[in-house]
Amino acid sequence: QVQLVESGGGLVQAGGSLRLSCALSGRTSSSYQMAWFRQAPGKDRETVAGISRSGGSTDYADSVKGRFIISRDNAKNTMYLQMNSLKPEDTAVYYCACRGASSWTALSGWTRQNNYQYWGQGTQVTVSS
């Protein structure tokens, strides 16, 4: 059984940075395409960033492009989200998710939340103005 545990959330001032981590246990992370999502109070959960099994392909929501960087270390079974130039509108609970994928490099369908079999419990990120 795959388990995902996020960490690294917290309170930061606007313009600051945070690095989230998502540790996968129970299986080898290289078998899974992975992604970050977030949910702000009163809003639907939305996509943030996705990364292929190899780590060589990444994609981002327009709202975070140029500020966030998704990466992974398959040797450590861990995915990361480096968040820079944070804004108050980035305040949300951040979730990591993974899904089995046959392709080592593709990211097709990564934004569809229903495609993901496993989810973490979330970590709160609060950005003060």
Foldseek 3Di string as FASTA:
>chain_A
DKAKAKDWADEEAAQAKIKMKIAIDDDQQLQKWKFKWWDDPPGDIFGAKTAFSQRPDMDGDPVQPPFWDWGADRVRRMIMIIGGRDDQVVWTWMKMFIAGDPDRGDCPPVGDPVRTDYMHPTDTHGYHD
